[in-house]
Amino acid sequence: MYEVLHANRIFNVIDKDGHFVVAEPFECNGAMVAPRDAEGNYCLVEQFRKAIGLVSTEFPRGKHDLGESIERTARRETLEEMGFEVDELVKLGILHTNNSIIQSHMLLFAGIGARQVTKKTDGEVQRVVKYSPDELLTAVASGKITDSHTLSAITYMLANGIFY
C-alpha cells in the first residue's frame, strides 16, 4: 500500500515504503519517434525547454492521451510538432526517464519514410532540422544533443543495427 502525498491532473506523488515516487495515469506515459526521411536523414526538432532554460535538439515526443494507442500517440506527436508523417513505426524499446523516482516509461520508435505533409504545427517547436547519421553522431559527441529520449533512441538503433 502507498500514501498519496500530492495529487494533480498530471501526476501523483506517492510514498512507496519511504520512497517518493511520481506516478502518472498510464504505465506508458508517452511516445517518441526518431523520424528518418527517404534520403536517410534524421529529422529532429529544436524546442525551447523551460526546465533547463535552453533550446534542445531532439526527436519529437509527447504525452499519451486517454483512449489512443501508443502508436497513435507517436504518429500524432510527429504530426503536431513537425508537420511530418511516417510510413512505418518500428518499436525500438522502452525508456524509464528516471527510474529512481518516476514509475512510468515511454516507448521509443524509429519512424521510417518521414515526410512533411503540412506546415501547420502546434507551435511548440522553433524549427525542424535534419542530420545525416554521421552528423547526428557528431552532434551527440560534441554535446549538442543532451536529451535522454533522443540519446536512448540513437543507442537502441545503433545496438540493433538499424541506425545507418
Protein backbone atom coordinates (compact mmCIF):
# COMPACT_ATOMS: atom_id res chain seq x y z
CA MET A 1 0.00 0.00 0.00
CA TYR A 2 1.11 3.56 -0.51
CA GLU A 3 0.17 7.05 0.64
CA VAL A 4 -0.64 9.84 -1.86
CA LEU A 5 1.34 12.91 -0.80
CA HIS A 6 0.33 15.18 -3.67
CA ALA A 7 -2.19 14.82 -6.48
CA ASN A 8 -2.99 16.87 -9.57
CA ARG A 9 -4.41 16.21 -13.04
CA ILE A 10 -0.99 15.18 -14.46
CA PHE A 11 0.59 13.01 -11.75
CA ASN A 12 0.56 11.92 -8.11
CA VAL A 13 3.49 11.89 -5.74
CA ILE A 14 3.24 8.81 -3.58
CA ASP A 15 5.17 7.35 -0.67
CA LYS A 16 6.11 3.75 -1.52
CA ASP A 17 7.71 2.32 1.60
CA GLY A 18 9.63 5.51 2.34
CA HIS A 19 10.50 6.30 -1.30
CA PHE A 20 8.88 9.28 -3.03
CA VAL A 21 7.62 8.24 -6.46
CA VAL A 22 5.95 10.19 -9.29
CA ALA A 23 3.00 8.12 -10.54
CA GLU A 24 1.39 9.11 -13.83
CA PRO A 25 -2.02 7.93 -15.09
CA PHE A 26 -0.55 5.37 -17.52
CA GLU A 27 2.28 2.88 -17.10
CA CYS A 28 3.40 4.00 -20.57
CA ASN A 29 3.00 7.77 -20.44
CA GLY A 30 4.07 8.71 -23.96
CA ALA A 31 5.95 8.04 -27.17
CA MET A 32 8.97 9.34 -29.03
CA VAL A 33 9.73 8.92 -32.73
CA ALA A 34 13.12 9.05 -34.48
CA PRO A 35 11.90 10.10 -37.97
CA ARG A 36 14.12 9.28 -40.95
CA ASP A 37 13.37 10.58 -44.43
CA ALA A 38 13.80 8.89 -47.81
CA GLU A 39 17.27 10.44 -48.18
CA GLY A 40 18.42 8.79 -44.94
CA ASN A 41 18.45 11.95 -42.84
CA TYR A 42 17.13 12.04 -39.29
CA CYS A 43 14.57 14.78 -38.66
CA LEU A 44 14.74 16.46 -35.25
CA VAL A 45 13.15 19.48 -33.64
CA GLU A 46 14.68 22.44 -31.88
CA GLN A 47 12.48 23.31 -28.94
CA PHE A 48 12.93 25.67 -26.00
CA ARG A 49 12.72 23.64 -22.80
CA LYS A 50 11.74 25.82 -19.86
CA ALA A 51 13.02 23.30 -17.29
CA ILE A 52 16.61 23.79 -18.47
CA GLY A 53 16.25 27.27 -19.98
CA LEU A 54 17.78 26.15 -23.29
CA VAL A 55 16.87 25.14 -26.81
CA SER A 56 17.08 21.35 -27.06
CA THR A 57 17.66 19.41 -30.28
CA GLU A 58 15.65 16.22 -30.01
CA PHE A 59 13.33 13.75 -31.66
CA PRO A 60 9.61 14.59 -31.32
CA ARG A 61 7.76 13.10 -28.38
CA GLY A 62 4.69 13.62 -26.31
CA LYS A 63 2.18 12.50 -23.74
CA HIS A 64 -0.18 9.60 -24.25
CA ASP A 65 -3.83 10.66 -24.36
CA LEU A 66 -6.68 8.64 -22.89
CA GLY A 67 -8.24 6.29 -25.42
CA GLU A 68 -5.47 6.32 -28.03
CA SER A 69 -2.98 3.59 -28.82
CA ILE A 70 0.67 4.35 -28.12
CA GLU A 71 1.34 4.08 -31.88
CA ARG A 72 -1.31 6.74 -32.45
CA THR A 73 0.42 8.90 -29.82
CA ALA A 74 3.70 8.54 -31.74
CA ARG A 75 2.11 9.50 -35.07
CA ARG A 76 0.11 12.37 -33.55
CA GLU A 77 3.12 13.92 -31.83
CA THR A 78 5.22 13.71 -35.01
CA LEU A 79 2.49 15.47 -36.95
CA GLU A 80 1.76 18.08 -34.24
CA GLU A 81 5.38 19.02 -33.58
CA MET A 82 6.86 18.74 -37.08
CA GLY A 83 4.04 18.56 -39.60
CA PHE A 84 5.51 15.16 -40.63
CA GLU A 85 4.07 11.71 -41.14
CA VAL A 86 5.99 8.43 -41.26
CA ASP A 87 5.23 5.39 -43.38
CA GLU A 88 6.22 2.87 -40.73
CA LEU A 89 6.85 2.79 -36.99
CA VAL A 90 9.45 0.33 -35.69
CA LYS A 91 9.39 -0.23 -31.94
CA LEU A 92 12.86 0.35 -30.51
CA GLY A 93 12.17 -0.25 -26.82
CA ILE A 94 11.21 1.46 -23.60
CA LEU A 95 12.82 4.29 -21.68
CA HIS A 96 12.46 4.82 -17.95
CA THR A 97 13.42 8.50 -17.87
CA ASN A 98 14.35 8.45 -14.20
CA ASN A 99 13.65 5.07 -12.65
CA SER A 100 14.62 6.22 -9.18
CA ILE A 101 11.56 8.48 -8.88
CA ILE A 102 9.28 8.07 -11.93
CA GLN A 103 7.28 4.86 -12.18
CA SER A 104 6.12 5.20 -15.81
CA HIS A 105 8.03 4.79 -19.07
CA MET A 106 7.92 5.96 -22.69
CA LEU A 107 8.01 3.86 -25.83
CA LEU A 108 10.64 4.74 -28.41
CA PHE A 109 10.07 4.22 -32.13
CA ALA A 110 12.01 4.64 -35.36
CA GLY A 111 9.91 6.39 -37.97
CA ILE A 112 10.67 5.16 -41.50
CA GLY A 113 9.73 7.25 -44.53
CA ALA A 114 9.30 10.60 -42.79
CA ARG A 115 7.92 13.39 -44.94
CA GLN A 116 6.41 16.79 -44.35
CA VAL A 117 2.67 16.83 -45.02
CA THR A 118 1.78 20.22 -43.56
CA LYS A 119 3.45 23.39 -42.35
CA LYS A 120 0.86 23.68 -39.58
CA THR A 121 2.20 22.58 -36.17
CA ASP A 122 1.28 23.07 -32.52
CA GLY A 123 3.77 25.95 -32.26
CA GLU A 124 5.96 24.33 -29.58
CA VAL A 125 8.91 23.80 -31.92
CA GLN A 126 11.22 26.53 -33.18
CA ARG A 127 12.30 24.61 -36.26
CA VAL A 128 12.88 21.19 -37.79
CA VAL A 129 16.50 20.23 -38.52
CA LYS A 130 17.89 17.31 -40.50
CA TYR A 131 21.08 15.39 -39.81
CA SER A 132 22.77 12.58 -41.72
CA PRO A 133 23.59 9.63 -39.46
CA ASP A 134 27.22 10.76 -39.20
CA GLU A 135 26.21 14.36 -38.46
CA LEU A 136 23.85 13.12 -35.76
CA LEU A 137 26.60 11.13 -34.06
CA THR A 138 28.88 14.20 -34.26
CA ALA A 139 26.14 16.28 -32.60
CA VAL A 140 25.95 13.69 -29.82
CA ALA A 141 29.73 13.52 -29.37
CA SER A 142 30.04 17.32 -29.24
CA GLY A 143 27.37 17.63 -26.53
CA LYS A 144 24.86 19.45 -28.78
CA ILE A 145 22.30 16.70 -28.17
CA THR A 146 21.72 16.01 -24.47
CA ASP A 147 18.07 14.90 -24.42
CA SER A 148 17.82 11.47 -22.77
CA HIS A 149 15.00 10.26 -25.03
CA THR A 150 16.94 11.11 -28.18
CA LEU A 151 20.18 9.62 -26.87
CA SER A 152 18.33 6.43 -25.90
CA ALA A 153 16.72 6.09 -29.33
CA ILE A 154 20.10 6.51 -31.03
CA THR A 155 21.59 3.88 -28.72
CA TYR A 156 18.76 1.43 -29.46
CA MET A 157 19.17 1.95 -33.21
CA LEU A 158 22.96 1.51 -33.07
CA ALA A 159 22.66 -1.61 -30.90
CA ASN A 160 20.12 -3.18 -33.25
CA GLY A 161 21.96 -2.35 -36.48
CA ILE A 162 19.31 -0.01 -37.87
CA PHE A 163 20.99 3.36 -37.40
CA TYR A 164 22.79 3.58 -40.77
